[in-house]
Amino acid sequence: MSELKLFRLDADGRDVELRGSTVTLEVELQRRIEAGMEAMLGIRFLASEYPTGPWHRGRIDSLGLDENGTPALIEYKKGADSGVLSQAVSYLSWLDSARHEFEALVKEKLSSEAAESIDWRNPRMICIAASFSHHDRVAVKRLHERVDLVRYRVFDGGLLSLLLIESASGSPRPAPARRQREVAAGAGVGSVQAIPGAAPACLQDLYAELDEALTAWGEVEVAQLRHYIAYRRMVNVASVIFRPKHEVILVYLKVDPDTVELEEGFSRDMRGIGHLGTGDLEVRIASAAALEKAGPLIRLAFEAA
């Protein structure tokens, strides 16, 4: 079982374990996470207590759109969550029938561009609770839906911890015909690819080594999206894109560019520069030597995640 322990150095120089607790009211947890949702979960907040209509008869605690353009539904429980799976399936079922409604909400709260680029293939359900039963943790792996079980704890001094306990990757649905046509039309534009098998052999071999480096940091989810490959824990840590014409792999890392020494032709500050994927630090990998040089930057990204 995943277990997070926090320690504080006392006046005598000894580490004392901090004992976590739960919130008094569920709404305390909800409001705090909604206020910091993008930093905590990589999700842009859309709505709170969203009604699902007379058939599903519920209110989704929080609605959002994650950093990969995927719809995200978040539920909070101040204690143990015994109904996590049935609730997740019910709300995701509602989402399937409410796509136009969700798109209208994204357009209103974010932008028309965000609404048009929603990735409907694998919507997410995030359940945040003080604990989950063993049976829930086993059963979630059998679901065809994408569900994350996240355990929270609060500590003295205003500290809040979120720990991903289990994650079901789900079964991605085919993209709508309109979206497939858009992707096909743009497949050759700008010589950008997100499919390793379509890249030149030299990049495929290099990517195999890069993939090993990116997945060497414990439990890392790898998601092949429309325009890039995401390596994520609670949020994206790295995004990978292939540029076949230039025989280079671009890696965007969740690293503050101000904390590293940039090198022309190898690393670049992407803040304020639009690009596919997520991450403020771009690293160009065109050789085994460049991949080796990128090792400390990859470590920095995952250590901070």
Protein backbone atom coordinates (compact mmCIF):
# COMPACT_ATOMS: atom_id res chain seq x y z
CA MET A 1 0.00 0.00 0.00
CA SER A 2 1.26 3.47 -0.88
CA GLU A 3 2.11 5.41 2.24
CA LEU A 4 3.28 8.99 2.54
CA LYS A 5 5.16 10.01 5.67
CA LEU A 6 6.07 13.61 6.53
CA PHE A 7 8.63 14.63 9.13
CA ARG A 8 9.54 17.98 10.71
CA LEU A 9 12.89 18.81 12.28
CA ASP A 10 12.32 19.77 15.94
CA ALA A 11 14.35 22.14 18.12
CA ASP A 12 16.68 19.30 19.16
CA GLY A 13 17.53 18.45 15.56
CA ARG A 14 15.45 15.27 15.53
CA ASP A 15 12.88 14.34 12.90
CA VAL A 16 9.37 14.05 14.31
CA GLU A 17 6.64 12.46 12.20
CA LEU A 18 3.67 14.67 11.41
CA ARG A 19 0.35 12.99 12.04
CA GLY A 20 -2.16 13.70 9.32
CA SER A 21 -5.88 14.09 9.85
CA THR A 22 -9.05 14.60 7.82
CA VAL A 23 -11.13 17.72 7.25
CA THR A 24 -14.07 18.52 9.51
CA LEU A 25 -16.35 19.33 6.57
CA GLU A 26 -16.12 17.88 3.09
CA VAL A 27 -16.67 21.30 1.56
CA GLU A 28 -13.40 22.52 3.14
CA LEU A 29 -11.47 20.02 1.04
CA GLN A 30 -13.52 20.79 -2.07
CA ARG A 31 -13.04 24.55 -1.89
CA ARG A 32 -9.33 24.27 -1.25
CA ILE A 33 -8.69 21.93 -4.16
CA GLU A 34 -10.93 23.91 -6.50
CA ALA A 35 -8.92 27.04 -5.69
CA GLY A 36 -5.63 25.30 -6.52
CA MET A 37 -6.82 22.66 -8.96
CA GLU A 38 -4.48 23.51 -11.83
CA ALA A 39 -1.35 23.40 -9.65
CA MET A 40 -2.46 20.32 -7.68
CA LEU A 41 -4.05 18.17 -10.39
CA GLY A 42 -3.19 19.83 -13.70
CA ILE A 43 -6.91 20.56 -14.22
CA ARG A 44 -8.54 23.86 -15.15
CA PHE A 45 -11.59 24.45 -12.98
CA LEU A 46 -14.97 24.80 -14.72
CA ALA A 47 -17.83 24.39 -12.24
CA SER A 48 -18.80 23.31 -8.73
CA GLU A 49 -21.80 21.19 -7.67
CA TYR A 50 -22.83 20.62 -11.27
CA PRO A 51 -26.29 18.98 -11.65
CA THR A 52 -26.55 15.82 -13.78
CA GLY A 53 -30.28 16.04 -14.44
CA PRO A 54 -33.31 13.91 -13.45
CA TRP A 55 -32.04 10.59 -14.84
CA HIS A 56 -28.62 10.47 -13.13
CA ARG A 57 -29.92 12.41 -10.12
CA GLY A 58 -26.69 13.78 -8.77
CA ARG A 59 -24.38 16.73 -8.45
CA ILE A 60 -20.78 16.40 -9.54
CA ASP A 61 -18.58 18.07 -6.95
CA SER A 62 -16.19 19.63 -9.48
CA LEU A 63 -15.93 19.73 -13.26
CA GLY A 64 -12.71 20.55 -15.07
CA LEU A 65 -10.60 20.15 -18.19
CA ASP A 66 -7.15 18.69 -17.70
CA GLU A 67 -3.90 19.86 -19.26
CA ASN A 68 -4.30 17.32 -22.09
CA GLY A 69 -7.75 18.59 -23.03
CA THR A 70 -9.52 15.66 -21.34
CA PRO A 71 -12.80 16.18 -19.41
CA ALA A 72 -12.28 15.60 -15.68
CA LEU A 73 -14.87 14.94 -12.97
CA ILE A 74 -13.77 15.22 -9.33
CA GLU A 75 -15.55 13.84 -6.26
CA TYR A 76 -14.51 14.43 -2.63
CA LYS A 77 -15.16 12.39 0.52
CA LYS A 78 -13.92 13.55 3.90
CA GLY A 79 -13.64 9.95 5.11
CA ALA A 80 -13.60 6.56 3.39
CA ASP A 81 -15.36 6.27 0.03
CA SER A 82 -17.33 3.05 -0.18
CA GLY A 83 -19.30 3.94 -3.33
CA VAL A 84 -16.46 5.15 -5.50
CA LEU A 85 -16.91 2.77 -8.44
CA SER A 86 -20.69 3.05 -8.92
CA GLN A 87 -20.49 6.83 -8.62
CA ALA A 88 -17.63 7.03 -11.11
CA VAL A 89 -19.43 4.93 -13.72
CA SER A 90 -22.70 6.84 -13.23
CA TYR A 91 -21.13 10.27 -13.66
CA LEU A 92 -19.01 9.21 -16.63
CA SER A 93 -22.19 7.83 -18.18
CA TRP A 94 -23.79 11.25 -17.71
CA LEU A 95 -20.80 12.87 -19.40
CA ASP A 96 -21.27 10.66 -22.48
CA SER A 97 -24.80 12.01 -22.85
CA ALA A 98 -23.87 15.62 -22.12
CA ARG A 99 -21.04 16.34 -24.52
CA HIS A 100 -22.62 19.42 -26.08
CA GLU A 101 -23.47 20.74 -22.62
CA PHE A 102 -19.88 20.21 -21.46
CA GLU A 103 -18.46 21.82 -24.61
CA ALA A 104 -20.68 24.86 -24.06
CA LEU A 105 -19.41 25.14 -20.48
CA VAL A 106 -15.76 24.95 -21.63
CA LYS A 107 -16.44 27.60 -24.26
CA GLU A 108 -18.03 29.87 -21.64
CA LYS A 109 -15.40 29.40 -18.91
CA LEU A 110 -12.24 28.96 -20.99
CA SER A 111 -12.38 29.61 -24.73
CA SER A 112 -13.81 28.45 -28.05
CA GLU A 113 -10.42 26.97 -28.91
CA ALA A 114 -10.43 24.87 -25.73
CA ALA A 115 -13.96 23.65 -26.46
CA GLU A 116 -13.06 22.65 -30.02
CA SER A 117 -9.97 20.71 -28.92
CA ILE A 118 -11.57 18.57 -26.17
CA ASP A 119 -10.28 15.00 -26.28
CA TRP A 120 -13.33 12.79 -25.68
CA ARG A 121 -11.56 9.44 -26.04
CA ASN A 122 -10.89 8.76 -22.35
CA PRO A 123 -12.59 11.10 -19.82
CA ARG A 124 -11.27 11.04 -16.24
CA MET A 125 -12.90 10.53 -12.88
CA ILE A 126 -10.80 11.59 -9.87
CA CYS A 127 -12.00 10.42 -6.45
CA ILE A 128 -10.32 12.17 -3.51
CA ALA A 129 -10.93 10.64 -0.08
CA ALA A 130 -9.26 9.94 3.25
CA SER A 131 -9.03 6.23 2.39
CA PHE A 132 -10.23 3.55 0.01
CA SER A 133 -11.13 -0.07 0.68
CA HIS A 134 -8.96 -2.92 -0.54
CA HIS A 135 -11.85 -4.12 -2.71
CA ASP A 136 -12.19 -0.71 -4.38
CA ARG A 137 -8.48 -0.65 -5.13
CA VAL A 138 -8.61 -4.10 -6.72
CA ALA A 139 -11.90 -3.57 -8.57
CA VAL A 140 -10.89 -0.24 -10.11
CA LYS A 141 -8.31 -2.12 -12.18
CA ARG A 142 -11.15 -4.06 -13.84
CA LEU A 143 -12.96 -0.96 -15.03
CA HIS A 144 -13.03 0.14 -18.65
CA GLU A 145 -13.26 3.70 -17.40
CA ARG A 146 -10.37 5.98 -16.42
CA VAL A 147 -10.49 6.44 -12.65
CA ASP A 148 -7.88 7.85 -10.26
CA LEU A 149 -8.08 7.15 -6.53
CA VAL A 150 -6.34 9.94 -4.59
CA ARG A 151 -5.85 9.93 -0.83
CA TYR A 152 -5.64 13.23 1.02
CA ARG A 153 -4.31 14.24 4.43
CA VAL A 154 -4.17 17.61 6.19
CA PHE A 155 -1.39 18.57 8.60
CA ASP A 156 -0.65 21.36 11.06
CA GLY A 157 0.62 24.53 9.44
CA GLY A 158 -1.87 24.40 6.58
CA LEU A 159 -0.19 21.47 4.82
CA LEU A 160 -2.23 19.31 2.43
CA SER A 161 -0.95 16.10 0.84
CA LEU A 162 -2.43 14.31 -2.18
CA LEU A 163 -1.25 10.79 -2.97
CA LEU A 164 -2.28 8.77 -6.04
CA ILE A 165 -3.25 5.36 -4.62
CA GLU A 166 -4.55 3.54 -7.70
CA SER A 167 -5.20 4.51 -11.29
CA ALA A 168 -7.19 2.74 -13.99
CA SER A 169 -6.07 3.89 -17.44
CA GLY A 170 -9.41 3.02 -19.04
CA SER A 171 -10.11 2.02 -22.63
CA PRO A 172 -9.83 4.99 -24.99
CA ARG A 173 -12.84 5.40 -27.26
CA PRO A 174 -12.36 6.12 -30.98
CA ALA A 175 -12.20 9.82 -31.69
CA PRO A 176 -15.29 11.32 -33.39
CA ALA A 177 -15.18 11.17 -37.19
CA ARG A 178 -14.77 14.95 -37.37
CA ARG A 179 -11.74 14.81 -35.06
CA GLN A 180 -10.20 11.91 -36.99
CA ARG A 181 -10.42 13.94 -40.20
CA GLU A 182 -8.80 16.93 -38.48
CA VAL A 183 -5.93 14.82 -37.15
CA ALA A 184 -5.42 13.13 -40.53
CA ALA A 185 -5.40 16.50 -42.29
CA GLY A 186 -2.82 17.86 -39.90
CA ALA A 187 -0.65 14.74 -39.68
CA GLY A 188 1.99 16.08 -42.01
CA VAL A 189 1.79 19.72 -41.04
CA GLY A 190 4.95 21.02 -39.45
CA SER A 191 6.61 17.59 -39.52
CA VAL A 192 5.33 16.83 -36.02
CA GLN A 193 4.37 13.32 -34.93
CA ALA A 194 3.32 11.63 -31.72
CA ILE A 195 3.49 8.03 -32.97
CA PRO A 196 6.86 6.33 -32.38
CA GLY A 197 6.26 3.75 -35.12
CA ALA A 198 5.93 6.48 -37.75
CA ALA A 199 9.29 8.02 -36.88
CA PRO A 200 12.59 7.14 -38.61
CA ALA A 201 14.41 4.08 -37.29
CA CYS A 202 17.12 6.25 -35.71
CA LEU A 203 14.50 8.09 -33.64
CA GLN A 204 12.69 4.87 -32.71
CA ASP A 205 15.87 3.47 -31.17
CA LEU A 206 16.53 6.77 -29.39
CA TYR A 207 12.94 6.92 -28.15
CA ALA A 208 13.23 3.42 -26.67
CA GLU A 209 16.09 4.69 -24.51
CA LEU A 210 14.23 7.92 -23.69
CA ASP A 211 11.12 5.97 -22.70
CA GLU A 212 13.23 3.85 -20.36
CA ALA A 213 14.68 7.00 -18.77
CA LEU A 214 11.23 8.57 -18.33
CA THR A 215 9.64 5.47 -16.80
CA ALA A 216 12.49 4.66 -14.42
CA TRP A 217 11.01 6.87 -11.70
CA GLY A 218 8.46 4.54 -10.14
CA GLU A 219 4.82 4.50 -11.23
CA VAL A 220 4.54 6.63 -14.35
CA GLU A 221 1.51 6.58 -16.64
CA VAL A 222 2.29 6.83 -20.36
CA ALA A 223 -0.55 8.19 -22.49
CA GLN A 224 -0.31 8.52 -26.28
CA LEU A 225 -2.44 11.54 -27.09
CA ARG A 226 -3.31 13.12 -30.42
CA HIS A 227 -0.28 15.38 -30.68
CA TYR A 228 2.19 14.13 -28.07
CA ILE A 229 3.00 11.37 -25.61
CA ALA A 230 2.40 12.35 -21.98
CA TYR A 231 4.35 10.91 -19.06
CA ARG A 232 2.40 11.69 -15.91
CA ARG A 233 1.88 11.03 -12.27
CA MET A 234 -0.75 13.26 -10.74
CA VAL A 235 0.04 15.78 -13.52
CA ASN A 236 2.12 15.69 -16.70
CA VAL A 237 5.83 15.56 -15.95
CA ALA A 238 7.05 15.26 -19.53
CA SER A 239 5.63 15.51 -23.06
CA VAL A 240 7.34 13.91 -26.06
CA ILE A 241 7.03 14.95 -29.72
CA PHE A 242 8.87 13.63 -32.79
CA ARG A 243 10.22 15.87 -35.57
CA PRO A 244 11.18 13.36 -38.28
CA LYS A 245 12.44 15.92 -40.83
CA HIS A 246 14.91 17.26 -38.29
CA GLU A 247 15.61 13.78 -36.86
CA VAL A 248 15.06 15.06 -33.34
CA ILE A 249 12.82 14.28 -30.38
CA LEU A 250 11.47 17.23 -28.40
CA VAL A 251 10.84 16.70 -24.70
CA TYR A 252 8.93 19.29 -22.69
CA LEU A 253 9.64 18.94 -18.97
CA LYS A 254 7.79 20.31 -15.96
CA VAL A 255 10.87 22.23 -14.85
CA ASP A 256 11.26 25.93 -14.07
CA PRO A 257 13.72 27.17 -16.74
CA ASP A 258 15.09 29.71 -14.24
CA THR A 259 16.49 26.83 -12.16
CA VAL A 260 18.71 25.40 -14.92
CA GLU A 261 21.46 26.69 -17.19
CA LEU A 262 20.05 26.86 -20.71
CA GLU A 263 22.17 25.74 -23.64
CA GLU A 264 21.47 26.98 -27.17
CA GLY A 265 20.43 24.18 -29.49
CA PHE A 266 19.74 21.83 -26.58
CA SER A 267 17.44 23.44 -24.01
CA ARG A 268 15.01 26.36 -24.29
CA ASP A 269 12.66 28.38 -22.09
CA MET A 270 9.16 27.89 -23.54
CA ARG A 271 7.25 30.23 -21.25
CA GLY A 272 5.14 32.50 -23.42
CA ILE A 273 5.83 30.38 -26.50
CA GLY A 274 2.98 28.23 -27.78
CA HIS A 275 3.81 24.57 -28.31
CA LEU A 276 2.20 21.15 -28.34
CA GLY A 277 2.32 19.31 -25.04
CA THR A 278 2.94 20.73 -21.58
CA GLY A 279 6.06 21.84 -19.75
CA ASP A 280 8.10 25.05 -19.69
CA LEU A 281 11.50 23.54 -20.51
CA GLU A 282 12.18 22.18 -24.00
CA VAL A 283 15.00 19.67 -24.47
CA ARG A 284 16.13 18.60 -27.95
CA ILE A 285 17.35 15.02 -28.19
CA ALA A 286 19.00 13.96 -31.44
CA SER A 287 21.65 11.57 -30.17
CA ALA A 288 22.57 9.24 -27.33
CA ALA A 289 24.93 11.94 -26.05
CA ALA A 290 22.10 14.46 -25.89
CA LEU A 291 19.91 11.94 -24.06
CA GLU A 292 22.66 11.36 -21.51
CA LYS A 293 23.00 15.13 -21.04
CA ALA A 294 19.22 15.34 -20.52
CA GLY A 295 19.37 12.82 -17.66
CA PRO A 296 19.80 15.37 -14.82
CA LEU A 297 16.93 17.48 -16.21
CA ILE A 298 14.63 14.45 -16.36
CA ARG A 299 15.60 13.59 -12.79
CA LEU A 300 14.87 17.15 -11.70
CA ALA A 301 11.38 16.99 -13.26
CA PHE A 302 10.43 13.73 -11.56
CA GLU A 303 11.94 14.59 -8.19
CA ALA A 304 9.76 17.71 -8.11
CA ALA A 305 6.61 15.88 -9.24
